[in-house]
N, C-alpha and C. Protein backbone atom coordinates (compact mmCIF):
# COMPACT_ATOMS: atom_id res chain seq x y z
N MET A 1 -102.11 39.49 8.64
CA MET A 1 -102.28 38.25 8.39
C MET A 1 -101.34 37.16 8.94
N ASP A 2 -101.68 36.19 8.90
CA ASP A 2 -101.02 35.03 9.85
C ASP A 2 -99.84 34.41 8.62
N ILE A 3 -98.63 34.44 9.33
CA ILE A 3 -97.61 33.92 8.32
C ILE A 3 -97.77 32.49 8.08
N SER A 4 -98.61 31.59 8.82
CA SER A 4 -98.70 30.19 8.50
C SER A 4 -99.50 29.88 7.19
N LEU A 5 -100.56 31.08 7.08
CA LEU A 5 -101.20 30.84 5.76
C LEU A 5 -100.66 31.45 4.50
N LEU A 6 -99.46 32.03 4.45
CA LEU A 6 -98.71 32.38 3.51
C LEU A 6 -98.15 31.23 2.72
N PHE A 7 -97.62 30.38 3.13
CA PHE A 7 -96.94 29.22 2.72
C PHE A 7 -98.03 28.54 1.65
N PRO A 8 -99.17 28.07 2.20
CA PRO A 8 -100.06 27.39 1.52
C PRO A 8 -100.87 28.10 0.25
N ILE A 9 -100.84 29.27 0.41
CA ILE A 9 -101.22 30.30 -0.64
C ILE A 9 -100.07 30.18 -1.43
N LEU A 10 -99.05 30.37 -1.10
CA LEU A 10 -97.96 30.35 -2.22
C LEU A 10 -97.93 29.22 -3.05
N ILE A 11 -97.81 28.10 -2.29
CA ILE A 11 -98.02 26.79 -2.98
C ILE A 11 -99.26 26.66 -4.01
N LEU A 12 -100.53 27.08 -3.52
CA LEU A 12 -101.53 27.02 -4.54
C LEU A 12 -101.28 27.91 -5.83
N LEU A 13 -100.66 28.99 -5.66
CA LEU A 13 -100.33 29.94 -6.70
C LEU A 13 -99.39 29.46 -7.89
N LEU A 14 -98.63 28.69 -7.19
CA LEU A 14 -97.47 27.97 -8.21
C LEU A 14 -98.03 26.77 -8.83
N PHE A 15 -99.11 25.78 -8.25
CA PHE A 15 -99.48 24.48 -8.98
C PHE A 15 -100.57 24.94 -9.73
N ILE A 16 -101.26 25.94 -9.45
CA ILE A 16 -102.56 25.97 -10.29
C ILE A 16 -102.24 26.25 -11.83
N PRO A 17 -101.26 27.26 -12.10
CA PRO A 17 -100.85 27.28 -13.80
C PRO A 17 -100.17 25.97 -14.30
N ILE A 18 -99.53 25.40 -13.30
CA ILE A 18 -99.01 24.20 -13.90
C ILE A 18 -99.88 22.99 -14.01
N PHE A 19 -100.95 22.84 -13.24
CA PHE A 19 -102.12 21.98 -13.49
C PHE A 19 -102.81 22.63 -14.63
N LEU A 20 -103.01 23.76 -15.01
CA LEU A 20 -103.89 24.17 -16.06
C LEU A 20 -103.10 23.73 -17.42
N SER A 21 -101.97 24.07 -17.31
CA SER A 21 -101.27 24.02 -18.71
C SER A 21 -101.00 22.48 -19.19
N SER A 22 -100.84 21.56 -17.96
CA SER A 22 -100.73 20.27 -18.22
C SER A 22 -102.23 19.69 -18.91
N ARG A 23 -103.33 19.98 -18.44
CA ARG A 23 -104.55 19.76 -18.66
C ARG A 23 -104.78 20.15 -20.52
N LYS A 24 -104.16 21.34 -20.84
CA LYS A 24 -104.10 21.93 -22.15
C LYS A 24 -103.50 20.86 -22.91
N GLN A 25 -102.21 20.53 -22.59
CA GLN A 25 -101.23 19.50 -23.25
C GLN A 25 -101.95 18.22 -23.44
N LYS A 26 -102.58 17.89 -22.49
CA LYS A 26 -103.10 16.37 -22.63
C LYS A 26 -104.36 16.42 -23.73
N ARG A 27 -104.92 17.49 -23.41
CA ARG A 27 -106.48 17.73 -24.64
C ARG A 27 -105.90 17.72 -25.87
N ALA A 28 -104.47 18.63 -26.28
CA ALA A 28 -103.90 18.67 -27.46
C ALA A 28 -103.51 17.44 -27.99
N GLN A 29 -102.71 16.73 -27.19
CA GLN A 29 -102.47 15.34 -27.33
C GLN A 29 -103.63 14.23 -27.77
N GLN A 30 -104.60 14.15 -27.05
CA GLN A 30 -105.82 13.43 -27.34
C GLN A 30 -106.58 13.98 -28.80
N GLU A 31 -106.62 15.12 -29.06
CA GLU A 31 -106.85 15.56 -30.34
C GLU A 31 -106.25 15.10 -31.59
N MET A 32 -104.76 15.10 -31.31
CA MET A 32 -103.80 14.66 -32.35
C MET A 32 -103.98 13.28 -32.45
N GLN A 33 -104.04 12.16 -31.48
CA GLN A 33 -104.20 10.93 -31.68
C GLN A 33 -105.57 10.52 -32.18
N ALA A 34 -106.50 11.56 -31.97
CA ALA A 34 -107.96 11.27 -32.71
C ALA A 34 -108.01 11.32 -34.20
N LEU A 35 -107.24 12.54 -34.61
CA LEU A 35 -107.06 12.68 -36.00
C LEU A 35 -106.32 11.76 -36.54
N GLN A 36 -105.17 11.20 -36.07
CA GLN A 36 -104.26 10.28 -36.48
C GLN A 36 -104.98 8.94 -36.81
N SER A 37 -105.86 8.87 -35.89
CA SER A 37 -106.62 7.36 -36.00
C SER A 37 -107.75 7.58 -36.93
N SER A 38 -108.31 8.64 -37.36
CA SER A 38 -109.55 8.70 -37.96
C SER A 38 -109.16 8.78 -39.65
N LEU A 39 -107.82 8.92 -40.09
CA LEU A 39 -107.43 8.91 -41.15
C LEU A 39 -108.27 7.81 -42.24
N GLU A 40 -108.43 8.03 -43.43
CA GLU A 40 -109.24 7.29 -44.44
C GLU A 40 -108.68 7.56 -45.74
N PRO A 41 -108.46 6.53 -46.69
CA PRO A 41 -108.04 6.86 -47.92
C PRO A 41 -108.60 7.96 -48.60
N GLY A 42 -107.95 9.03 -49.41
CA GLY A 42 -108.57 10.04 -49.99
C GLY A 42 -108.46 11.28 -49.38
N ASP A 43 -108.18 11.22 -47.95
CA ASP A 43 -107.92 12.34 -47.08
C ASP A 43 -106.58 12.83 -47.36
N ILE A 44 -106.76 14.43 -47.60
CA ILE A 44 -105.34 15.30 -47.99
C ILE A 44 -104.86 15.55 -46.77
N VAL A 45 -103.51 15.30 -46.23
CA VAL A 45 -102.98 15.62 -45.10
C VAL A 45 -101.72 16.28 -45.20
N SER A 46 -101.15 17.12 -44.21
CA SER A 46 -99.99 17.60 -44.08
C SER A 46 -99.07 16.89 -43.01
N THR A 47 -97.71 16.70 -43.25
CA THR A 47 -97.07 15.93 -42.11
C THR A 47 -96.20 17.08 -41.42
N THR A 48 -95.54 16.56 -40.48
CA THR A 48 -94.88 17.47 -39.46
C THR A 48 -93.68 17.96 -40.25
N SER A 49 -92.95 17.64 -41.33
CA SER A 49 -92.07 18.13 -42.06
C SER A 49 -92.74 18.89 -43.19
N GLY A 50 -93.98 19.19 -43.25
CA GLY A 50 -94.59 20.11 -44.40
C GLY A 50 -94.89 19.42 -45.70
N LEU A 51 -94.72 18.28 -45.65
CA LEU A 51 -95.26 17.55 -47.09
C LEU A 51 -96.87 17.56 -47.08
N ARG A 52 -97.48 17.76 -48.19
CA ARG A 52 -98.77 17.46 -48.49
C ARG A 52 -98.84 16.43 -49.31
N ALA A 53 -99.99 15.66 -48.90
CA ALA A 53 -100.04 14.24 -49.45
C ALA A 53 -101.51 13.91 -49.74
N THR A 54 -101.86 12.62 -50.38
CA THR A 54 -103.07 12.06 -50.11
C THR A 54 -102.88 10.73 -49.64
N VAL A 55 -103.85 10.17 -48.69
CA VAL A 55 -103.68 9.00 -47.98
C VAL A 55 -104.19 7.96 -49.10
N VAL A 56 -103.28 6.92 -49.40
CA VAL A 56 -103.72 5.96 -49.83
C VAL A 56 -104.23 4.69 -49.37
N ASP A 57 -103.59 4.43 -48.22
CA ASP A 57 -103.71 3.23 -47.46
C ASP A 57 -103.67 3.67 -45.97
N ALA A 58 -104.67 3.27 -45.15
CA ALA A 58 -104.51 3.57 -43.68
C ALA A 58 -104.84 2.50 -42.76
N SER A 59 -104.78 1.34 -43.37
CA SER A 59 -105.23 0.14 -42.50
C SER A 59 -104.43 -0.42 -41.69
N TYR A 60 -102.91 0.00 -41.52
CA TYR A 60 -102.03 -0.39 -40.57
C TYR A 60 -102.32 0.47 -39.27
N GLU A 61 -101.91 -0.30 -38.14
CA GLU A 61 -101.99 0.29 -36.93
C GLU A 61 -101.11 1.51 -36.53
N ASP A 62 -99.81 1.35 -37.27
CA ASP A 62 -98.79 2.34 -36.70
C ASP A 62 -98.40 3.17 -38.04
N THR A 63 -98.60 2.68 -39.03
CA THR A 63 -98.21 3.50 -40.50
C THR A 63 -99.59 3.89 -41.29
N VAL A 64 -99.13 4.88 -42.21
CA VAL A 64 -100.10 5.28 -43.22
C VAL A 64 -99.34 5.39 -44.51
N ASP A 65 -99.75 5.00 -45.79
CA ASP A 65 -99.29 5.19 -46.93
C ASP A 65 -99.71 6.68 -47.54
N LEU A 66 -98.86 7.45 -48.14
CA LEU A 66 -99.35 8.62 -48.43
C LEU A 66 -98.78 8.77 -49.93
N GLU A 67 -99.60 9.35 -51.05
CA GLU A 67 -99.25 9.79 -52.16
C GLU A 67 -98.77 11.00 -52.41
N ILE A 68 -97.52 10.88 -52.50
CA ILE A 68 -96.83 12.40 -52.76
C ILE A 68 -96.73 12.97 -54.06
N ALA A 69 -96.98 11.97 -54.86
CA ALA A 69 -97.01 12.62 -56.46
C ALA A 69 -97.82 11.37 -57.24
N ASP A 70 -98.11 11.40 -58.43
CA ASP A 70 -98.67 10.45 -58.90
C ASP A 70 -97.88 9.26 -59.09
N GLY A 71 -98.38 8.18 -58.70
CA GLY A 71 -97.83 6.94 -58.61
C GLY A 71 -96.64 6.96 -57.72
N VAL A 72 -96.49 7.92 -56.87
CA VAL A 72 -95.30 7.75 -55.83
C VAL A 72 -96.08 7.58 -54.31
N VAL A 73 -95.81 6.29 -53.98
CA VAL A 73 -96.40 6.07 -52.69
C VAL A 73 -95.11 5.98 -51.58
N THR A 74 -95.37 6.61 -50.25
CA THR A 74 -94.59 6.48 -49.38
C THR A 74 -95.27 6.21 -48.14
N THR A 75 -94.65 5.40 -47.30
CA THR A 75 -95.04 4.93 -45.91
C THR A 75 -94.33 5.71 -44.86
N TRP A 76 -95.37 6.35 -44.13
CA TRP A 76 -95.01 7.05 -42.97
C TRP A 76 -95.66 6.61 -41.67
N VAL A 77 -94.94 6.95 -40.66
CA VAL A 77 -95.46 6.73 -39.21
C VAL A 77 -96.69 7.75 -39.24
N ARG A 78 -97.73 7.11 -38.42
CA ARG A 78 -98.91 7.93 -38.21
C ARG A 78 -98.68 9.26 -37.42
N ALA A 79 -97.75 9.17 -36.41
CA ALA A 79 -97.39 10.37 -35.56
C ALA A 79 -96.78 11.27 -36.44
N ALA A 80 -96.43 10.96 -37.67
CA ALA A 80 -96.05 12.39 -38.61
C ALA A 80 -97.17 13.06 -39.23
N VAL A 81 -98.30 12.58 -39.24
CA VAL A 81 -99.28 13.53 -39.84
C VAL A 81 -99.85 14.41 -38.96
N ARG A 82 -99.53 15.74 -39.28
CA ARG A 82 -99.86 16.96 -38.30
C ARG A 82 -101.33 17.45 -38.51
N GLU A 83 -101.87 17.56 -39.62
CA GLU A 83 -103.20 18.06 -40.12
C GLU A 83 -103.89 17.53 -41.22
N LYS A 84 -105.30 17.34 -41.12
CA LYS A 84 -106.04 16.99 -42.43
C LYS A 84 -106.39 18.39 -42.74
N ILE A 85 -106.28 18.30 -44.10
CA ILE A 85 -106.67 19.67 -44.94
C ILE A 85 -107.87 19.20 -45.55
N ALA A 86 -108.91 19.95 -44.96
CA ALA A 86 -110.11 19.71 -45.53
C ALA A 86 -110.60 20.57 -46.83
N GLY A 87 -111.38 20.16 -47.69
CA GLY A 87 -112.10 20.92 -48.92
C GLY A 87 -110.94 21.31 -49.86
N GLU A 88 -109.87 20.71 -50.19
CA GLU A 88 -108.96 20.83 -51.16
C GLU A 88 -108.70 19.59 -52.01
N GLU A 89 -109.05 19.88 -53.32
CA GLU A 89 -108.51 18.66 -54.45
C GLU A 89 -106.85 18.92 -54.63
N PRO A 90 -106.36 17.67 -54.84
CA PRO A 90 -105.03 17.71 -55.27
C PRO A 90 -104.96 18.24 -56.50
N VAL A 91 -103.59 18.62 -56.85
CA VAL A 91 -103.47 19.26 -57.89
C VAL A 91 -102.69 18.17 -58.99
N HIS A 92 -103.13 17.77 -60.12
CA HIS A 92 -102.44 16.87 -60.84
C HIS A 92 -101.70 17.70 -61.70
N VAL A 93 -100.57 16.83 -62.36
CA VAL A 93 -99.62 17.38 -63.16
C VAL A 93 -100.40 17.29 -64.60
N ASP A 94 -101.20 16.76 -64.97
CA ASP A 94 -101.97 16.48 -66.18
C ASP A 94 -102.77 18.04 -66.59
N GLU A 95 -103.15 18.73 -65.60
CA GLU A 95 -103.96 19.83 -65.82
C GLU A 95 -102.98 20.97 -65.90
N PRO A 96 -103.11 21.82 -66.96
CA PRO A 96 -102.50 23.03 -67.34
C PRO A 96 -102.65 23.89 -66.34
N PRO A 97 -101.48 24.72 -65.38
CA PRO A 97 -101.92 25.95 -64.66
C PRO A 97 -102.72 27.03 -65.31
N ALA A 98 -103.66 27.68 -64.64
CA ALA A 98 -104.19 28.89 -65.07
C ALA A 98 -103.41 29.83 -65.46
N VAL A 99 -103.55 30.42 -66.87
CA VAL A 99 -102.53 31.45 -67.05
C VAL A 99 -103.32 32.89 -67.17
N PRO A 100 -103.04 33.96 -66.53
CA PRO A 100 -103.69 35.34 -66.79
C PRO A 100 -103.50 35.82 -68.09
N VAL A 101 -104.62 36.60 -68.62
CA VAL A 101 -104.35 37.12 -69.71
C VAL A 101 -103.60 38.55 -69.59
N VAL A 102 -102.75 38.72 -70.43
CA VAL A 102 -101.75 39.81 -70.21
C VAL A 102 -102.29 40.83 -71.45
N SER A 103 -102.34 41.79 -71.11
CA SER A 103 -102.50 43.12 -72.36
C SER A 103 -101.47 43.37 -72.88
N GLU A 104 -101.68 43.78 -74.26
CA GLU A 104 -100.60 44.22 -75.11
C GLU A 104 -99.98 45.72 -74.80
N GLU A 105 -100.01 46.11 -73.70
CA GLU A 105 -99.29 47.38 -73.47
C GLU A 105 -97.77 47.16 -73.50
N PRO A 106 -97.11 48.19 -73.75
CA PRO A 106 -95.66 48.59 -73.84
C PRO A 106 -94.95 48.08 -72.30
N THR A 107 -93.85 47.57 -72.38
CA THR A 107 -93.37 47.11 -71.25
C THR A 107 -92.08 48.39 -71.00
N ALA A 108 -91.74 48.24 -69.62
CA ALA A 108 -90.72 49.44 -69.42
C ALA A 108 -89.46 48.87 -69.76
N PRO A 109 -88.58 49.89 -70.05
CA PRO A 109 -87.06 49.40 -70.70
C PRO A 109 -86.41 48.20 -69.17
N SER A 110 -85.44 47.74 -70.05
CA SER A 110 -84.69 46.76 -69.20
C SER A 110 -83.74 47.70 -68.28
N LEU A 111 -83.58 47.01 -67.12
CA LEU A 111 -82.61 47.48 -66.19
C LEU A 111 -81.26 46.77 -66.14
N GLU A 112 -81.04 46.02 -66.97
CA GLU A 112 -79.66 45.20 -67.05
C GLU A 112 -78.55 46.08 -67.45
N LYS A 113 -77.47 45.65 -66.82
CA LYS A 113 -76.17 46.43 -66.99
C LYS A 113 -75.64 45.99 -68.43
N ALA A 114 -74.99 46.96 -69.01
CA ALA A 114 -74.27 46.59 -70.48
C ALA A 114 -73.19 45.83 -69.95
N PRO A 115 -72.98 44.96 -70.89
CA PRO A 115 -71.80 43.80 -70.83
C PRO A 115 -70.34 44.76 -70.64
N ALA A 116 -69.38 44.20 -69.88
CA ALA A 116 -68.13 44.79 -69.91
C ALA A 116 -67.20 44.57 -70.94
N GLU A 117 -66.42 44.96 -71.25
CA GLU A 117 -65.30 44.94 -72.11
C GLU A 117 -65.05 43.80 -72.46
N ASN A 118 -64.35 43.10 -71.38
CA ASN A 118 -63.93 41.82 -71.31
C ASN A 118 -64.03 41.25 -70.06
N PRO A 119 -65.24 40.20 -69.81
CA PRO A 119 -66.00 39.89 -68.44
C PRO A 119 -64.71 38.91 -68.02
N GLU A 120 -63.76 38.48 -68.71
CA GLU A 120 -62.72 37.52 -68.34
C GLU A 120 -61.57 38.21 -67.75
N GLN A 121 -61.51 39.44 -68.23
CA GLN A 121 -60.18 40.27 -67.74
C GLN A 121 -60.85 41.26 -66.86
N PRO A 122 -60.39 41.36 -65.74
CA PRO A 122 -60.93 42.83 -64.72
C PRO A 122 -60.05 43.57 -65.10
N SER A 123 -60.57 44.82 -64.95
CA SER A 123 -60.01 46.09 -65.30
C SER A 123 -59.25 46.42 -64.22
N LEU A 124 -57.95 47.22 -64.65
CA LEU A 124 -56.78 47.31 -63.83
C LEU A 124 -56.94 48.94 -63.65
N VAL A 125 -56.59 49.29 -62.41
CA VAL A 125 -56.59 50.79 -62.03
C VAL A 125 -55.01 51.13 -61.42
N LYS A 126 -54.65 51.94 -61.81
CA LYS A 126 -53.23 52.51 -61.31
C LYS A 126 -53.28 53.06 -59.87
N ASP A 127 -52.58 52.55 -59.12
CA ASP A 127 -52.51 53.09 -57.59
C ASP A 127 -51.68 54.39 -57.57
N VAL A 128 -52.02 55.55 -57.36
CA VAL A 128 -50.90 56.47 -57.40
C VAL A 128 -49.76 56.22 -56.27
N GLU A 129 -50.21 56.01 -55.09
CA GLU A 129 -49.15 55.99 -53.96
C GLU A 129 -48.04 54.93 -54.26
N THR A 130 -48.21 53.54 -54.76
CA THR A 130 -47.47 52.69 -54.85
C THR A 130 -46.77 52.50 -56.37
N ASP A 131 -47.40 53.11 -57.54
CA ASP A 131 -47.20 53.05 -58.94
C ASP A 131 -47.21 51.54 -59.22
N ARG A 132 -48.19 51.00 -58.61
CA ARG A 132 -48.66 49.58 -59.01
C ARG A 132 -50.04 49.36 -59.47
N GLU A 133 -50.47 48.53 -60.42
CA GLU A 133 -51.76 48.56 -60.89
C GLU A 133 -52.51 47.53 -59.74
N LYS A 134 -53.78 48.06 -59.60
CA LYS A 134 -54.74 47.32 -58.74
C LYS A 134 -55.84 46.58 -59.70
N ASP A 135 -56.29 45.57 -58.92
CA ASP A 135 -57.30 44.60 -59.66
C ASP A 135 -58.75 45.19 -59.05
N ASP A 136 -59.48 45.46 -59.95
CA ASP A 136 -61.06 45.91 -59.54
C ASP A 136 -61.63 44.69 -58.88
N SER A 137 -61.33 43.58 -59.49
CA SER A 137 -62.26 42.50 -58.91
C SER A 137 -61.88 42.00 -57.55
N THR A 138 -60.66 42.56 -57.08
CA THR A 138 -60.49 42.22 -55.58
C THR A 138 -60.90 43.19 -54.63
N ASN A 139 -60.25 43.10 -53.35
CA ASN A 139 -60.42 44.17 -52.31
C ASN A 139 -59.86 45.25 -52.60
N GLY A 140 -58.94 45.45 -53.55
CA GLY A 140 -58.14 46.82 -53.67
C GLY A 140 -56.77 46.51 -53.34
N THR A 141 -56.01 45.41 -53.14
CA THR A 141 -54.87 45.20 -52.64
C THR A 141 -54.02 45.18 -53.90
N PRO A 142 -53.02 45.57 -53.85
CA PRO A 142 -51.85 46.18 -54.98
C PRO A 142 -51.60 44.50 -55.76
N ARG A 143 -51.59 44.59 -56.98
CA ARG A 143 -51.19 43.39 -57.88
C ARG A 143 -49.66 43.36 -57.98
N SER A 144 -49.22 42.13 -57.59
CA SER A 144 -47.57 41.89 -57.95
C SER A 144 -47.15 41.37 -59.59
């Protein structure tokens, strides 16, 4: 193999992955811009900070008004909208949550500790080596 062909082949091997990854990034950016420009009132969205909200007003060019709770509307930059959540209804506070039916079977005994004799006063242990009392609530250093 001729050494003069090695350099162009090496250059191609380096630039092909770079070219392909830039195309992938460009495509993802175009999809995100299309999503952000297609927002309409009533859409449920998720922001880049993880907030789920309902679009109230999308008539502005750079911002969108999101309702994060009943009667609480905040203004966000369109670029903060990460995804549109399809097919979900917002949960209203007025609706009680569904409670599962619990059977009347006996429950297991409690695993709670019995209360200490006096929780405000830590117990003292006599140190045999120094004839001093140690405080159990500390790291075992002698009490002066």
